[in-house]
mmCIF file of all heavy atoms, coordinates in Angstrom:
data_MODEL
# 
_entry.id   MODEL 
# 
loop_
_atom_site.group_PDB 
_atom_site.id 
_atom_site.type_symbol 
_atom_site.label_atom_id 
_atom_site.label_alt_id 
_atom_site.label_comp_id 
_atom_site.label_asym_id 
_atom_site.label_entity_id 
_atom_site.label_seq_id 
_atom_site.pdbx_PDB_ins_code 
_atom_site.Cartn_x 
_atom_site.Cartn_y 
_atom_site.Cartn_z 
_atom_site.occupancy 
_atom_site.B_iso_or_equiv 
_atom_site.pdbx_formal_charge 
_atom_site.auth_seq_id 
_atom_site.auth_comp_id 
_atom_site.auth_asym_id 
_atom_site.auth_atom_id 
_atom_site.pdbx_PDB_model_num 
ATOM 1   N N   . THR A 1 1  ? 75.854 117.155 77.546 1.00 0.00 ? 1  THR A N   1 
ATOM 2   C CA  . THR A 1 1  ? 75.332 116.561 76.340 1.00 0.00 ? 1  THR A CA  1 
ATOM 3   C C   . THR A 1 1  ? 74.017 117.270 75.860 1.00 0.00 ? 1  THR A C   1 
ATOM 4   O O   . THR A 1 1  ? 73.867 117.448 74.785 1.00 0.00 ? 1  THR A O   1 
ATOM 5   C CB  . THR A 1 1  ? 74.919 114.988 76.650 1.00 0.00 ? 1  THR A CB  1 
ATOM 6   O OG1 . THR A 1 1  ? 76.214 114.429 77.074 1.00 0.00 ? 1  THR A OG1 1 
ATOM 7   C CG2 . THR A 1 1  ? 74.410 114.337 75.455 1.00 0.00 ? 1  THR A CG2 1 
ATOM 8   N N   . GLN A 1 2  ? 73.197 117.600 76.845 1.00 0.00 ? 2  GLN A N   1 
ATOM 9   C CA  . GLN A 1 2  ? 71.889 118.152 76.474 1.00 0.00 ? 2  GLN A CA  1 
ATOM 10  C C   . GLN A 1 2  ? 72.080 119.547 75.820 1.00 0.00 ? 2  GLN A C   1 
ATOM 11  O O   . GLN A 1 2  ? 71.167 119.989 75.177 1.00 0.00 ? 2  GLN A O   1 
ATOM 12  C CB  . GLN A 1 2  ? 70.988 118.303 77.675 1.00 0.00 ? 2  GLN A CB  1 
ATOM 13  C CG  . GLN A 1 2  ? 70.637 116.956 78.335 1.00 0.00 ? 2  GLN A CG  1 
ATOM 14  C CD  . GLN A 1 2  ? 71.515 116.579 79.324 1.00 0.00 ? 2  GLN A CD  1 
ATOM 15  O OE1 . GLN A 1 2  ? 72.747 116.722 79.313 1.00 0.00 ? 2  GLN A OE1 1 
ATOM 16  N NE2 . GLN A 1 2  ? 71.105 115.956 80.517 1.00 0.00 ? 2  GLN A NE2 1 
ATOM 17  N N   . GLN A 1 3  ? 73.202 120.117 75.960 1.00 0.00 ? 3  GLN A N   1 
ATOM 18  C CA  . GLN A 1 3  ? 73.436 121.573 75.492 1.00 0.00 ? 3  GLN A CA  1 
ATOM 19  C C   . GLN A 1 3  ? 74.538 121.598 74.482 1.00 0.00 ? 3  GLN A C   1 
ATOM 20  O O   . GLN A 1 3  ? 75.118 122.519 74.158 1.00 0.00 ? 3  GLN A O   1 
ATOM 21  C CB  . GLN A 1 3  ? 73.784 122.441 76.720 1.00 0.00 ? 3  GLN A CB  1 
ATOM 22  C CG  . GLN A 1 3  ? 72.684 122.541 77.727 1.00 0.00 ? 3  GLN A CG  1 
ATOM 23  C CD  . GLN A 1 3  ? 73.092 123.321 78.966 1.00 0.00 ? 3  GLN A CD  1 
ATOM 24  O OE1 . GLN A 1 3  ? 74.349 123.343 79.237 1.00 0.00 ? 3  GLN A OE1 1 
ATOM 25  N NE2 . GLN A 1 3  ? 72.186 123.827 79.624 1.00 0.00 ? 3  GLN A NE2 1 
ATOM 26  N N   . ALA A 1 4  ? 74.829 120.298 73.948 1.00 0.00 ? 4  ALA A N   1 
ATOM 27  C CA  . ALA A 1 4  ? 75.910 120.190 72.978 1.00 0.00 ? 4  ALA A CA  1 
ATOM 28  C C   . ALA A 1 4  ? 75.765 121.239 71.764 1.00 0.00 ? 4  ALA A C   1 
ATOM 29  O O   . ALA A 1 4  ? 76.770 121.773 71.176 1.00 0.00 ? 4  ALA A O   1 
ATOM 30  C CB  . ALA A 1 4  ? 76.045 118.824 72.487 1.00 0.00 ? 4  ALA A CB  1 
ATOM 31  N N   . ALA A 1 5  ? 74.528 121.536 71.427 1.00 0.00 ? 5  ALA A N   1 
ATOM 32  C CA  . ALA A 1 5  ? 74.238 122.379 70.293 1.00 0.00 ? 5  ALA A CA  1 
ATOM 33  C C   . ALA A 1 5  ? 74.672 123.728 70.522 1.00 0.00 ? 5  ALA A C   1 
ATOM 34  O O   . ALA A 1 5  ? 75.040 124.502 69.643 1.00 0.00 ? 5  ALA A O   1 
ATOM 35  C CB  . ALA A 1 5  ? 72.859 122.343 69.877 1.00 0.00 ? 5  ALA A CB  1 
ATOM 36  N N   . ARG A 1 6  ? 74.710 124.128 71.844 1.00 0.00 ? 6  ARG A N   1 
ATOM 37  C CA  . ARG A 1 6  ? 75.238 125.566 72.228 1.00 0.00 ? 6  ARG A CA  1 
ATOM 38  C C   . ARG A 1 6  ? 76.708 125.303 72.693 1.00 0.00 ? 6  ARG A C   1 
ATOM 39  O O   . ARG A 1 6  ? 76.926 125.132 73.910 1.00 0.00 ? 6  ARG A O   1 
ATOM 40  C CB  . ARG A 1 6  ? 74.344 126.184 73.365 1.00 0.00 ? 6  ARG A CB  1 
ATOM 41  C CG  . ARG A 1 6  ? 72.802 126.113 72.972 1.00 0.00 ? 6  ARG A CG  1 
ATOM 42  C CD  . ARG A 1 6  ? 72.003 126.547 74.150 1.00 0.00 ? 6  ARG A CD  1 
ATOM 43  N NE  . ARG A 1 6  ? 72.365 127.795 74.694 1.00 0.00 ? 6  ARG A NE  1 
ATOM 44  C CZ  . ARG A 1 6  ? 71.915 128.326 75.767 1.00 0.00 ? 6  ARG A CZ  1 
ATOM 45  N NH1 . ARG A 1 6  ? 71.058 127.621 76.548 1.00 0.00 ? 6  ARG A NH1 1 
ATOM 46  N NH2 . ARG A 1 6  ? 72.342 129.530 76.271 1.00 0.00 ? 6  ARG A NH2 1 
ATOM 47  N N   . ALA A 1 7  ? 77.541 125.387 71.739 1.00 0.00 ? 7  ALA A N   1 
ATOM 48  C CA  . ALA A 1 7  ? 78.936 124.844 71.896 1.00 0.00 ? 7  ALA A CA  1 
ATOM 49  C C   . ALA A 1 7  ? 79.633 125.535 73.083 1.00 0.00 ? 7  ALA A C   1 
ATOM 50  O O   . ALA A 1 7  ? 80.862 125.275 73.193 1.00 0.00 ? 7  ALA A O   1 
ATOM 51  C CB  . ALA A 1 7  ? 79.644 125.016 70.621 1.00 0.00 ? 7  ALA A CB  1 
ATOM 52  N N   . ASP A 1 8  ? 79.093 126.546 73.765 1.00 0.00 ? 8  ASP A N   1 
ATOM 53  C CA  . ASP A 1 8  ? 79.928 127.176 74.865 1.00 0.00 ? 8  ASP A CA  1 
ATOM 54  C C   . ASP A 1 8  ? 79.490 126.757 76.209 1.00 0.00 ? 8  ASP A C   1 
ATOM 55  O O   . ASP A 1 8  ? 79.921 127.327 77.250 1.00 0.00 ? 8  ASP A O   1 
ATOM 56  C CB  . ASP A 1 8  ? 79.712 128.723 74.676 1.00 0.00 ? 8  ASP A CB  1 
ATOM 57  C CG  . ASP A 1 8  ? 78.194 129.102 74.819 1.00 0.00 ? 8  ASP A CG  1 
ATOM 58  O OD1 . ASP A 1 8  ? 77.421 128.236 74.636 1.00 0.00 ? 8  ASP A OD1 1 
ATOM 59  O OD2 . ASP A 1 8  ? 77.927 130.193 75.051 1.00 0.00 ? 8  ASP A OD2 1 
ATOM 60  N N   . ARG A 1 9  ? 78.632 125.768 76.341 1.00 0.00 ? 9  ARG A N   1 
ATOM 61  C CA  . ARG A 1 9  ? 78.121 125.367 77.639 1.00 0.00 ? 9  ARG A CA  1 
ATOM 62  C C   . ARG A 1 9  ? 78.932 124.199 78.067 1.00 0.00 ? 9  ARG A C   1 
ATOM 63  O O   . ARG A 1 9  ? 78.829 123.045 77.513 1.00 0.00 ? 9  ARG A O   1 
ATOM 64  C CB  . ARG A 1 9  ? 76.647 125.013 77.576 1.00 0.00 ? 9  ARG A CB  1 
ATOM 65  C CG  . ARG A 1 9  ? 75.815 126.182 77.207 1.00 0.00 ? 9  ARG A CG  1 
ATOM 66  C CD  . ARG A 1 9  ? 75.919 127.332 78.149 1.00 0.00 ? 9  ARG A CD  1 
ATOM 67  N NE  . ARG A 1 9  ? 75.588 127.016 79.480 1.00 0.00 ? 9  ARG A NE  1 
ATOM 68  C CZ  . ARG A 1 9  ? 74.300 127.114 80.010 1.00 0.00 ? 9  ARG A CZ  1 
ATOM 69  N NH1 . ARG A 1 9  ? 73.316 127.424 79.331 1.00 0.00 ? 9  ARG A NH1 1 
ATOM 70  N NH2 . ARG A 1 9  ? 74.011 126.706 81.319 1.00 0.00 ? 9  ARG A NH2 1 
ATOM 71  N N   . HIS A 1 10 ? 79.676 124.176 79.198 1.00 0.00 ? 10 HIS A N   1 
ATOM 72  C CA  . HIS A 1 10 ? 80.502 123.181 79.732 1.00 0.00 ? 10 HIS A CA  1 
ATOM 73  C C   . HIS A 1 10 ? 80.395 123.190 81.169 1.00 0.00 ? 10 HIS A C   1 
ATOM 74  O O   . HIS A 1 10 ? 79.980 124.168 81.842 1.00 0.00 ? 10 HIS A O   1 
ATOM 75  C CB  . HIS A 1 10 ? 81.896 123.250 79.146 1.00 0.00 ? 10 HIS A CB  1 
ATOM 76  C CG  . HIS A 1 10 ? 82.583 124.533 79.641 1.00 0.00 ? 10 HIS A CG  1 
ATOM 77  N ND1 . HIS A 1 10 ? 82.691 125.648 78.929 1.00 0.00 ? 10 HIS A ND1 1 
ATOM 78  C CD2 . HIS A 1 10 ? 83.287 124.834 80.772 1.00 0.00 ? 10 HIS A CD2 1 
ATOM 79  C CE1 . HIS A 1 10 ? 83.385 126.598 79.478 1.00 0.00 ? 10 HIS A CE1 1 
ATOM 80  N NE2 . HIS A 1 10 ? 83.759 126.039 80.613 1.00 0.00 ? 10 HIS A NE2 1 
ATOM 81  N N   . VAL A 1 11 ? 80.898 122.095 81.822 1.00 0.00 ? 11 VAL A N   1 
ATOM 82  C CA  . VAL A 1 11 ? 80.998 121.978 83.244 1.00 0.00 ? 11 VAL A CA  1 
ATOM 83  C C   . VAL A 1 11 ? 82.353 121.385 83.701 1.00 0.00 ? 11 VAL A C   1 
ATOM 84  O O   . VAL A 1 11 ? 83.012 120.837 82.778 1.00 0.00 ? 11 VAL A O   1 
ATOM 85  C CB  . VAL A 1 11 ? 79.829 121.033 83.793 1.00 0.00 ? 11 VAL A CB  1 
ATOM 86  C CG1 . VAL A 1 11 ? 78.423 121.508 83.436 1.00 0.00 ? 11 VAL A CG1 1 
ATOM 87  C CG2 . VAL A 1 11 ? 80.103 119.621 83.173 1.00 0.00 ? 11 VAL A CG2 1 
ATOM 88  N N   . TYR A 1 12 ? 82.753 121.588 84.839 1.00 0.00 ? 12 TYR A N   1 
ATOM 89  C CA  . TYR A 1 12 ? 83.990 121.053 85.445 1.00 0.00 ? 12 TYR A CA  1 
ATOM 90  C C   . TYR A 1 12 ? 83.471 119.786 86.226 1.00 0.00 ? 12 TYR A C   1 
ATOM 91  O O   . TYR A 1 12 ? 82.496 119.875 87.018 1.00 0.00 ? 12 TYR A O   1 
ATOM 92  C CB  . TYR A 1 12 ? 84.723 122.054 86.260 1.00 0.00 ? 12 TYR A CB  1 
ATOM 93  C CG  . TYR A 1 12 ? 85.330 123.059 85.350 1.00 0.00 ? 12 TYR A CG  1 
ATOM 94  C CD1 . TYR A 1 12 ? 84.674 124.341 85.096 1.00 0.00 ? 12 TYR A CD1 1 
ATOM 95  C CD2 . TYR A 1 12 ? 86.540 122.862 84.811 1.00 0.00 ? 12 TYR A CD2 1 
ATOM 96  C CE1 . TYR A 1 12 ? 85.113 125.326 84.395 1.00 0.00 ? 12 TYR A CE1 1 
ATOM 97  C CE2 . TYR A 1 12 ? 87.075 123.894 84.022 1.00 0.00 ? 12 TYR A CE2 1 
ATOM 98  C CZ  . TYR A 1 12 ? 86.376 125.168 83.774 1.00 0.00 ? 12 TYR A CZ  1 
ATOM 99  O OH  . TYR A 1 12 ? 86.899 126.079 83.038 1.00 0.00 ? 12 TYR A OH  1 
ATOM 100 N N   . ALA A 1 13 ? 84.282 118.746 86.195 1.00 0.00 ? 13 ALA A N   1 
ATOM 101 C CA  . ALA A 1 13 ? 83.989 117.585 87.044 1.00 0.00 ? 13 ALA A CA  1 
ATOM 102 C C   . ALA A 1 13 ? 85.207 116.864 87.463 1.00 0.00 ? 13 ALA A C   1 
ATOM 103 O O   . ALA A 1 13 ? 86.343 117.036 86.875 1.00 0.00 ? 13 ALA A O   1 
ATOM 104 C CB  . ALA A 1 13 ? 83.048 116.650 86.168 1.00 0.00 ? 13 ALA A CB  1 
ATOM 105 N N   . GLY A 1 14 ? 85.068 116.122 88.498 1.00 0.00 ? 14 GLY A N   1 
ATOM 106 C CA  . GLY A 1 14 ? 86.104 115.260 89.038 1.00 0.00 ? 14 GLY A CA  1 
ATOM 107 C C   . GLY A 1 14 ? 86.033 113.736 88.599 1.00 0.00 ? 14 GLY A C   1 
ATOM 108 O O   . GLY A 1 14 ? 85.019 113.443 88.041 1.00 0.00 ? 14 GLY A O   1 
ATOM 109 N N   . ARG A 1 15 ? 87.076 113.052 88.991 1.00 0.00 ? 15 ARG A N   1 
ATOM 110 C CA  . ARG A 1 15 ? 87.023 111.700 88.747 1.00 0.00 ? 15 ARG A CA  1 
ATOM 111 C C   . ARG A 1 15 ? 85.833 110.975 89.323 1.00 0.00 ? 15 ARG A C   1 
ATOM 112 O O   . ARG A 1 15 ? 85.184 111.441 90.300 1.00 0.00 ? 15 ARG A O   1 
ATOM 113 C CB  . ARG A 1 15 ? 88.239 110.978 89.495 1.00 0.00 ? 15 ARG A CB  1 
ATOM 114 C CG  . ARG A 1 15 ? 88.463 109.536 89.229 1.00 0.00 ? 15 ARG A CG  1 
ATOM 115 C CD  . ARG A 1 15 ? 89.668 108.930 89.947 1.00 0.00 ? 15 ARG A CD  1 
ATOM 116 N NE  . ARG A 1 15 ? 89.408 109.124 91.433 1.00 0.00 ? 15 ARG A NE  1 
ATOM 117 C CZ  . ARG A 1 15 ? 90.202 109.716 92.304 1.00 0.00 ? 15 ARG A CZ  1 
ATOM 118 N NH1 . ARG A 1 15 ? 91.335 110.271 91.801 1.00 0.00 ? 15 ARG A NH1 1 
ATOM 119 N NH2 . ARG A 1 15 ? 89.957 109.646 93.622 1.00 0.00 ? 15 ARG A NH2 1 
ATOM 120 N N   . THR A 1 16 ? 85.257 109.956 88.684 1.00 0.00 ? 16 THR A N   1 
ATOM 121 C CA  . THR A 1 16 ? 84.101 109.249 89.077 1.00 0.00 ? 16 THR A CA  1 
ATOM 122 C C   . THR A 1 16 ? 84.122 108.898 90.547 1.00 0.00 ? 16 THR A C   1 
ATOM 123 O O   . THR A 1 16 ? 85.124 108.479 91.073 1.00 0.00 ? 16 THR A O   1 
ATOM 124 C CB  . THR A 1 16 ? 83.740 107.980 88.306 1.00 0.00 ? 16 THR A CB  1 
ATOM 125 O OG1 . THR A 1 16 ? 82.566 107.354 88.859 1.00 0.00 ? 16 THR A OG1 1 
ATOM 126 C CG2 . THR A 1 16 ? 84.894 107.107 88.223 1.00 0.00 ? 16 THR A CG2 1 
ATOM 127 N N   . ARG A 1 17 ? 83.061 109.024 91.312 1.00 0.00 ? 17 ARG A N   1 
ATOM 128 C CA  . ARG A 1 17 ? 82.967 108.695 92.722 1.00 0.00 ? 17 ARG A CA  1 
ATOM 129 C C   . ARG A 1 17 ? 83.145 107.205 92.875 1.00 0.00 ? 17 ARG A C   1 
ATOM 130 O O   . ARG A 1 17 ? 83.398 106.720 94.102 1.00 0.00 ? 17 ARG A O   1 
ATOM 131 C CB  . ARG A 1 17 ? 81.574 108.996 93.176 1.00 0.00 ? 17 ARG A CB  1 
ATOM 132 C CG  . ARG A 1 17 ? 80.419 108.182 92.748 1.00 0.00 ? 17 ARG A CG  1 
ATOM 133 C CD  . ARG A 1 17 ? 79.095 108.734 93.068 1.00 0.00 ? 17 ARG A CD  1 
ATOM 134 N NE  . ARG A 1 17 ? 78.760 109.851 92.350 1.00 0.00 ? 17 ARG A NE  1 
ATOM 135 C CZ  . ARG A 1 17 ? 77.647 110.549 92.462 1.00 0.00 ? 17 ARG A CZ  1 
ATOM 136 N NH1 . ARG A 1 17 ? 76.633 110.076 93.312 1.00 0.00 ? 17 ARG A NH1 1 
ATOM 137 N NH2 . ARG A 1 17 ? 77.389 111.578 91.761 1.00 0.00 ? 17 ARG A NH2 1 
ATOM 138 N N   . PHE A 1 18 ? 83.159 106.410 91.852 1.00 0.00 ? 18 PHE A N   1 
ATOM 139 C CA  . PHE A 1 18 ? 83.210 104.914 92.021 1.00 0.00 ? 18 PHE A CA  1 
ATOM 140 C C   . PHE A 1 18 ? 84.712 104.485 92.122 1.00 0.00 ? 18 PHE A C   1 
ATOM 141 O O   . PHE A 1 18 ? 85.033 103.331 92.318 1.00 0.00 ? 18 PHE A O   1 
ATOM 142 C CB  . PHE A 1 18 ? 82.652 104.191 90.719 1.00 0.00 ? 18 PHE A CB  1 
ATOM 143 C CG  . PHE A 1 18 ? 81.139 104.444 90.542 1.00 0.00 ? 18 PHE A CG  1 
ATOM 144 C CD1 . PHE A 1 18 ? 80.608 104.690 89.331 1.00 0.00 ? 18 PHE A CD1 1 
ATOM 145 C CD2 . PHE A 1 18 ? 80.224 104.531 91.636 1.00 0.00 ? 18 PHE A CD2 1 
ATOM 146 C CE1 . PHE A 1 18 ? 79.333 104.879 89.101 1.00 0.00 ? 18 PHE A CE1 1 
ATOM 147 C CE2 . PHE A 1 18 ? 78.944 104.734 91.399 1.00 0.00 ? 18 PHE A CE2 1 
ATOM 148 C CZ  . PHE A 1 18 ? 78.505 105.011 90.234 1.00 0.00 ? 18 PHE A CZ  1 
ATOM 149 N N   . ILE A 1 19 ? 85.647 105.394 91.889 1.00 0.00 ? 19 ILE A N   1 
ATOM 150 C CA  . ILE A 1 19 ? 87.100 105.163 92.119 1.00 0.00 ? 19 ILE A CA  1 
ATOM 151 C C   . ILE A 1 19 ? 87.538 106.088 93.253 1.00 0.00 ? 19 ILE A C   1 
ATOM 152 O O   . ILE A 1 19 ? 87.765 107.245 92.909 1.00 0.00 ? 19 ILE A O   1 
ATOM 153 C CB  . ILE A 1 19 ? 87.848 105.253 90.887 1.00 0.00 ? 19 ILE A CB  1 
ATOM 154 C CG1 . ILE A 1 19 ? 87.366 104.337 89.742 1.00 0.00 ? 19 ILE A CG1 1 
ATOM 155 C CG2 . ILE A 1 19 ? 89.359 105.054 91.165 1.00 0.00 ? 19 ILE A CG2 1 
ATOM 156 C CD1 . ILE A 1 19 ? 88.036 104.557 88.438 1.00 0.00 ? 19 ILE A CD1 1 
ATOM 157 N N   . ASP A 1 20 ? 87.625 105.603 94.465 1.00 0.00 ? 20 ASP A N   1 
ATOM 158 C CA  . ASP A 1 20 ? 88.017 106.455 95.577 1.00 0.00 ? 20 ASP A CA  1 
ATOM 159 C C   . ASP A 1 20 ? 89.481 106.554 95.581 1.00 0.00 ? 20 ASP A C   1 
ATOM 160 O O   . ASP A 1 20 ? 90.248 105.970 94.760 1.00 0.00 ? 20 ASP A O   1 
ATOM 161 C CB  . ASP A 1 20 ? 87.493 105.927 96.855 1.00 0.00 ? 20 ASP A CB  1 
ATOM 162 C CG  . ASP A 1 20 ? 87.944 104.661 97.356 1.00 0.00 ? 20 ASP A CG  1 
ATOM 163 O OD1 . ASP A 1 20 ? 88.981 104.228 96.840 1.00 0.00 ? 20 ASP A OD1 1 
ATOM 164 O OD2 . ASP A 1 20 ? 87.241 103.940 98.128 1.00 0.00 ? 20 ASP A OD2 1 
ATOM 165 N N   . THR A 1 21 ? 90.008 107.382 96.557 1.00 0.00 ? 21 THR A N   1 
ATOM 166 C CA  . THR A 1 21 ? 91.483 107.604 96.573 1.00 0.00 ? 21 THR A CA  1 
ATOM 167 C C   . THR A 1 21 ? 92.319 106.409 96.741 1.00 0.00 ? 21 THR A C   1 
ATOM 168 O O   . THR A 1 21 ? 93.316 106.195 96.088 1.00 0.00 ? 21 THR A O   1 
ATOM 169 C CB  . THR A 1 21 ? 91.713 108.702 97.745 1.00 0.00 ? 21 THR A CB  1 
ATOM 170 O OG1 . THR A 1 21 ? 90.903 109.877 97.515 1.00 0.00 ? 21 THR A OG1 1 
ATOM 171 C CG2 . THR A 1 21 ? 93.272 108.995 97.730 1.00 0.00 ? 21 THR A CG2 1 
ATOM 172 N N   . ALA A 1 22 ? 91.859 105.505 97.636 1.00 0.00 ? 22 ALA A N   1 
ATOM 173 C CA  . ALA A 1 22 ? 92.620 104.286 97.783 1.00 0.00 ? 22 ALA A CA  1 
ATOM 174 C C   . ALA A 1 22 ? 92.673 103.417 96.574 1.00 0.00 ? 22 ALA A C   1 
ATOM 175 O O   . ALA A 1 22 ? 93.655 102.861 96.172 1.00 0.00 ? 22 ALA A O   1 
ATOM 176 C CB  . ALA A 1 22 ? 91.993 103.458 98.945 1.00 0.00 ? 22 ALA A CB  1 
ATOM 177 N N   . ASP A 1 23 ? 91.561 103.259 95.932 1.00 0.00 ? 23 ASP A N   1 
ATOM 178 C CA  . ASP A 1 23 ? 91.436 102.501 94.646 1.00 0.00 ? 23 ASP A CA  1 
ATOM 179 C C   . ASP A 1 23 ? 92.231 103.165 93.498 1.00 0.00 ? 23 ASP A C   1 
ATOM 180 O O   . ASP A 1 23 ? 92.812 102.569 92.706 1.00 0.00 ? 23 ASP A O   1 
ATOM 181 C CB  . ASP A 1 23 ? 89.926 102.283 94.231 1.00 0.00 ? 23 ASP A CB  1 
ATOM 182 C CG  . ASP A 1 23 ? 89.167 101.493 95.229 1.00 0.00 ? 23 ASP A CG  1 
ATOM 183 O OD1 . ASP A 1 23 ? 89.728 100.742 95.973 1.00 0.00 ? 23 ASP A OD1 1 
ATOM 184 O OD2 . ASP A 1 23 ? 87.988 101.646 95.183 1.00 0.00 ? 23 ASP A OD2 1 
ATOM 185 N N   . ALA A 1 24 ? 92.215 104.537 93.514 1.00 0.00 ? 24 ALA A N   1 
ATOM 186 C CA  . ALA A 1 24 ? 92.997 105.222 92.499 1.00 0.00 ? 24 ALA A CA  1 
ATOM 187 C C   . ALA A 1 24 ? 94.469 104.990 92.503 1.00 0.00 ? 24 ALA A C   1 
ATOM 188 O O   . ALA A 1 24 ? 95.216 104.982 91.536 1.00 0.00 ? 24 ALA A O   1 
ATOM 189 C CB  . ALA A 1 24 ? 92.739 106.766 92.535 1.00 0.00 ? 24 ALA A CB  1 
ATOM 190 N N   . ALA A 1 25 ? 94.974 104.644 93.726 1.00 0.00 ? 25 ALA A N   1 
ATOM 191 C CA  . ALA A 1 25 ? 96.395 104.292 93.912 1.00 0.00 ? 25 ALA A CA  1 
ATOM 192 C C   . ALA A 1 25 ? 96.850 103.062 93.097 1.00 0.00 ? 25 ALA A C   1 
ATOM 193 O O   . ALA A 1 25 ? 98.013 102.774 93.031 1.00 0.00 ? 25 ALA A O   1 
ATOM 194 C CB  . ALA A 1 25 ? 96.747 104.131 95.454 1.00 0.00 ? 25 ALA A CB  1 
ATOM 195 N N   . ARG A 1 26 ? 95.825 102.278 92.747 1.00 0.00 ? 26 ARG A N   1 
ATOM 196 C CA  . ARG A 1 26 ? 96.193 101.017 92.018 1.00 0.00 ? 26 ARG A CA  1 
ATOM 197 C C   . ARG A 1 26 ? 96.493 101.245 90.566 1.00 0.00 ? 26 ARG A C   1 
ATOM 198 O O   . ARG A 1 26 ? 96.927 100.350 89.872 1.00 0.00 ? 26 ARG A O   1 
ATOM 199 C CB  . ARG A 1 26 ? 94.927 100.061 92.088 1.00 0.00 ? 26 ARG A CB  1 
ATOM 200 C CG  . ARG A 1 26 ? 94.630 99.666  93.574 1.00 0.00 ? 26 ARG A CG  1 
ATOM 201 C CD  . ARG A 1 26 ? 93.410 98.727  93.534 1.00 0.00 ? 26 ARG A CD  1 
ATOM 202 N NE  . ARG A 1 26 ? 92.906 98.376  94.885 1.00 0.00 ? 26 ARG A NE  1 
ATOM 203 C CZ  . ARG A 1 26 ? 93.298 97.225  95.440 1.00 0.00 ? 26 ARG A CZ  1 
ATOM 204 N NH1 . ARG A 1 26 ? 94.151 96.346  94.852 1.00 0.00 ? 26 ARG A NH1 1 
ATOM 205 N NH2 . ARG A 1 26 ? 92.902 97.045  96.687 1.00 0.00 ? 26 ARG A NH2 1 
ATOM 206 N N   . PHE A 1 27 ? 96.244 102.533 90.083 1.00 0.00 ? 27 PHE A N   1 
ATOM 207 C CA  . PHE A 1 27 ? 96.489 102.909 88.671 1.00 0.00 ? 27 PHE A CA  1 
ATOM 208 C C   . PHE A 1 27 ? 97.709 103.643 88.555 1.00 0.00 ? 27 PHE A C   1 
ATOM 209 O O   . PHE A 1 27 ? 98.272 104.238 89.508 1.00 0.00 ? 27 PHE A O   1 
ATOM 210 C CB  . PHE A 1 27 ? 95.389 103.875 88.197 1.00 0.00 ? 27 PHE A CB  1 
ATOM 211 C CG  . PHE A 1 27 ? 93.976 103.288 88.116 1.00 0.00 ? 27 PHE A CG  1 
ATOM 212 C CD1 . PHE A 1 27 ? 93.099 103.080 89.164 1.00 0.00 ? 27 PHE A CD1 1 
ATOM 213 C CD2 . PHE A 1 27 ? 93.452 102.752 86.786 1.00 0.00 ? 27 PHE A CD2 1 
ATOM 214 C CE1 . PHE A 1 27 ? 91.919 102.504 89.129 1.00 0.00 ? 27 PHE A CE1 1 
ATOM 215 C CE2 . PHE A 1 27 ? 92.254 102.237 86.654 1.00 0.00 ? 27 PHE A CE2 1 
ATOM 216 C CZ  . PHE A 1 27 ? 91.486 102.081 87.839 1.00 0.00 ? 27 PHE A CZ  1 
# 
């Protein structure tokens, strides 16, 4: 977000830590 004006800056991320593997199985 802070670098949105520089349209080439991005990051890779995974699923939020608030949904662990066991909880993800409910979806």
